[in-house]
Amino acid sequence: MEKGRYRRGAHTVTDFKYHIVWKTKYSYSVLKGELALRVRDMIREICAEKEIEIVKGNVRPNHIHVLVSAPTHLSPAKIAQYLKGKSSYRLQREFPQLRKRYWGRHLWARGYFGASVGAVTEEQIKQYIENQSDPPESFKVWDEPQELQDDKRDLQSDSSE
């Protein structure tokens, strides 16, 4: 295992990464120049406060992409809430001209895009789980109908012949 890749807790080893994207309200292209540099620094500060590691990030004129590695106690929704809420509040406090354009004190659009990112694919995990050796007393989390189990057994015996 790569030493620096995983987060370690008292009883856990994790690698939770999330891709989060959010847009400016009305898709206004306001994230330029000094404002873009400041929002980048703010996102770094907010992440440091919450022990969120930024893997990659990109500030575009009307939206922001971040790929973050997060501690186990923070959900993707909570991460988006922190990043959007704190950055909006701080930016509007530092840049009064934003308050004219965003008079409702909402710099960001209401939603966000989020996706989890992993080192292995969903298919690889399914195969890994499926290929575990099953002692007779074990059970699977899902219950397959008996006829489906019989069909699988028949297919396996046909392929071994």
Protein backbone atom coordinates (compact mmCIF):
# COMPACT_ATOMS: atom_id res chain seq x y z
CA MET A 1 0.00 0.00 0.00
CA GLU A 2 1.18 3.51 -0.77
CA LYS A 3 1.88 5.16 2.56
CA GLY A 4 0.66 8.70 1.80
CA ARG A 5 -2.40 7.72 -0.19
CA TYR A 6 -4.64 6.63 2.68
CA ARG A 7 -6.04 8.48 5.68
CA ARG A 8 -5.52 6.57 8.90
CA GLY A 9 -7.68 6.77 12.00
CA ALA A 10 -7.60 4.83 15.26
CA HIS A 11 -9.43 1.90 13.67
CA THR A 12 -9.79 2.88 10.03
CA VAL A 13 -7.89 3.19 6.79
CA THR A 14 -9.79 5.18 4.16
CA ASP A 15 -9.46 6.80 0.76
CA PHE A 16 -12.59 8.92 0.21
CA LYS A 17 -12.28 11.28 -2.73
CA TYR A 18 -15.04 13.45 -4.17
CA HIS A 19 -15.31 15.56 -7.31
CA ILE A 20 -17.46 18.60 -6.56
CA VAL A 21 -18.51 21.30 -9.03
CA TRP A 22 -20.61 24.38 -8.34
CA LYS A 23 -21.60 27.40 -10.41
CA THR A 24 -22.08 31.09 -9.81
CA LYS A 25 -25.69 32.19 -9.56
CA TYR A 26 -27.16 32.98 -12.99
CA SER A 27 -23.86 31.63 -14.45
CA TYR A 28 -22.36 35.11 -14.32
CA SER A 29 -18.68 35.04 -15.26
CA VAL A 30 -17.38 36.95 -12.24
CA LEU A 31 -14.52 34.66 -11.18
CA LYS A 32 -11.73 36.49 -13.01
CA GLY A 33 -8.49 38.19 -12.09
CA GLU A 34 -8.07 39.14 -8.44
CA LEU A 35 -11.43 37.60 -7.50
CA ALA A 36 -10.48 34.23 -9.03
CA LEU A 37 -7.14 34.21 -7.19
CA ARG A 38 -8.85 35.10 -3.91
CA VAL A 39 -11.54 32.41 -4.22
CA ARG A 40 -8.80 29.86 -4.93
CA ASP A 41 -6.97 30.88 -1.76
CA MET A 42 -10.22 30.87 0.24
CA ILE A 43 -11.06 27.35 -0.87
CA ARG A 44 -7.58 26.28 0.23
CA GLU A 45 -8.12 27.95 3.63
CA ILE A 46 -11.57 26.42 4.15
CA CYS A 47 -10.28 22.96 3.23
CA ALA A 48 -7.34 23.32 5.62
CA GLU A 49 -9.75 24.31 8.43
CA LYS A 50 -11.75 21.10 7.89
CA GLU A 51 -8.76 18.80 7.19
CA ILE A 52 -9.88 18.34 3.59
CA GLU A 53 -7.01 17.75 1.17
CA ILE A 54 -7.32 19.29 -2.29
CA VAL A 55 -6.04 16.83 -4.90
CA LYS A 56 -6.82 19.10 -7.88
CA GLY A 57 -8.85 22.23 -8.43
CA ASN A 58 -9.82 24.64 -11.16
CA VAL A 59 -11.49 28.05 -10.96
CA ARG A 60 -13.34 28.90 -14.17
CA PRO A 61 -15.09 32.25 -14.80
CA ASN A 62 -18.52 30.86 -13.84
CA HIS A 63 -17.86 27.61 -11.94
CA ILE A 64 -15.38 25.77 -9.73
CA HIS A 65 -14.12 22.17 -9.84
CA VAL A 66 -12.40 20.51 -6.88
CA LEU A 67 -11.23 16.96 -6.33
CA VAL A 68 -10.84 16.50 -2.59
CA SER A 69 -9.79 13.77 -0.19
CA ALA A 70 -12.00 13.99 2.87
CA PRO A 71 -12.05 12.67 6.42
CA THR A 72 -14.67 10.04 7.23
CA HIS A 73 -16.89 12.33 9.29
CA LEU A 74 -17.57 14.72 6.38
CA SER A 75 -20.18 13.80 3.80
CA PRO A 76 -19.96 15.18 0.25
CA ALA A 77 -23.03 17.33 1.02
CA LYS A 78 -21.34 18.81 4.10
CA ILE A 79 -18.15 19.51 2.13
CA ALA A 80 -20.14 21.36 -0.57
CA GLN A 81 -22.02 23.27 2.15
CA TYR A 82 -18.77 24.41 3.80
CA LEU A 83 -17.04 25.35 0.55
CA LYS A 84 -19.98 27.22 -0.95
CA GLY A 85 -21.26 28.86 2.23
CA LYS A 86 -17.99 30.07 3.71
CA SER A 87 -16.53 31.21 0.38
CA SER A 88 -19.70 33.15 -0.54
CA TYR A 89 -19.80 34.91 2.82
CA ARG A 90 -16.10 35.77 2.81
CA LEU A 91 -15.98 36.87 -0.84
CA GLN A 92 -18.96 39.18 -0.48
CA ARG A 93 -17.43 40.69 2.64
CA GLU A 94 -14.11 41.35 0.84
CA PHE A 95 -15.54 42.38 -2.55
CA PRO A 96 -18.46 44.81 -2.02
CA GLN A 97 -19.09 44.97 -5.79
CA LEU A 98 -20.39 41.38 -5.59
CA ARG A 99 -23.20 42.50 -3.28
CA LYS A 100 -24.55 44.73 -6.05
CA ARG A 101 -24.77 41.86 -8.52
CA TYR A 102 -25.83 39.24 -5.95
CA TRP A 103 -28.21 41.34 -3.86
CA GLY A 104 -29.70 38.29 -2.10
CA ARG A 105 -26.29 37.43 -0.58
CA HIS A 106 -26.16 34.24 -2.65
CA LEU A 107 -23.05 34.10 -4.83
CA TRP A 108 -23.45 30.45 -5.82
CA ALA A 109 -26.29 28.70 -7.62
CA ARG A 110 -28.43 26.45 -5.41
CA GLY A 111 -27.11 23.01 -6.36
CA TYR A 112 -23.82 21.33 -7.03
CA PHE A 113 -22.47 18.30 -8.87
CA GLY A 114 -20.83 15.58 -6.83
CA ALA A 115 -19.27 12.23 -7.68
CA SER A 116 -17.18 9.81 -5.70
CA VAL A 117 -13.85 8.79 -7.13
CA GLY A 118 -12.04 5.54 -6.48
CA ALA A 119 -8.94 3.55 -7.23
CA VAL A 120 -11.03 0.62 -8.41
CA THR A 121 -14.15 0.42 -10.54
CA GLU A 122 -17.57 -0.72 -9.39
CA GLU A 123 -17.18 -3.80 -11.60
CA GLN A 124 -13.87 -4.73 -9.94
CA ILE A 125 -15.48 -4.52 -6.49
CA LYS A 126 -18.42 -6.67 -7.61
CA GLN A 127 -16.01 -9.28 -8.97
CA TYR A 128 -13.94 -9.22 -5.77
CA ILE A 129 -17.02 -9.76 -3.61
CA GLU A 130 -18.42 -12.45 -5.89
CA ASN A 131 -15.14 -14.39 -5.97
CA GLN A 132 -14.72 -14.70 -2.22
CA SER A 133 -14.49 -18.31 -1.11
CA ASP A 134 -17.72 -19.23 0.67
CA PRO A 135 -17.58 -21.60 3.63
CA PRO A 136 -20.80 -23.65 3.88
CA GLU A 137 -22.08 -21.69 6.90
CA SER A 138 -21.63 -18.27 5.22
CA PHE A 139 -24.35 -16.24 3.56
CA LYS A 140 -24.54 -13.47 1.01
CA VAL A 141 -26.02 -10.11 1.80
CA TRP A 142 -28.58 -10.61 -0.94
CA ASP A 143 -30.75 -13.66 -1.30
CA GLU A 144 -30.80 -15.11 -4.79
CA PRO A 145 -33.76 -17.31 -5.67
CA GLN A 146 -32.85 -21.01 -5.58
CA GLU A 147 -33.46 -21.43 -9.35
CA LEU A 148 -30.97 -18.63 -10.10
CA GLN A 149 -28.37 -20.34 -7.91
CA ASP A 150 -29.06 -23.63 -9.73
CA ASP A 151 -28.65 -21.91 -13.12
CA LYS A 152 -25.30 -20.47 -12.05
CA ARG A 153 -24.12 -23.84 -10.80
CA ASP A 154 -25.15 -25.47 -14.12
CA LEU A 155 -23.29 -22.80 -16.10
CA GLN A 156 -20.15 -23.25 -13.99
CA SER A 157 -20.20 -27.04 -14.44
CA ASP A 158 -20.77 -26.67 -18.21
CA SER A 159 -17.78 -24.34 -18.53
CA SER A 160 -15.48 -26.66 -16.57
CA GLU A 161 -16.20 -29.62 -18.85
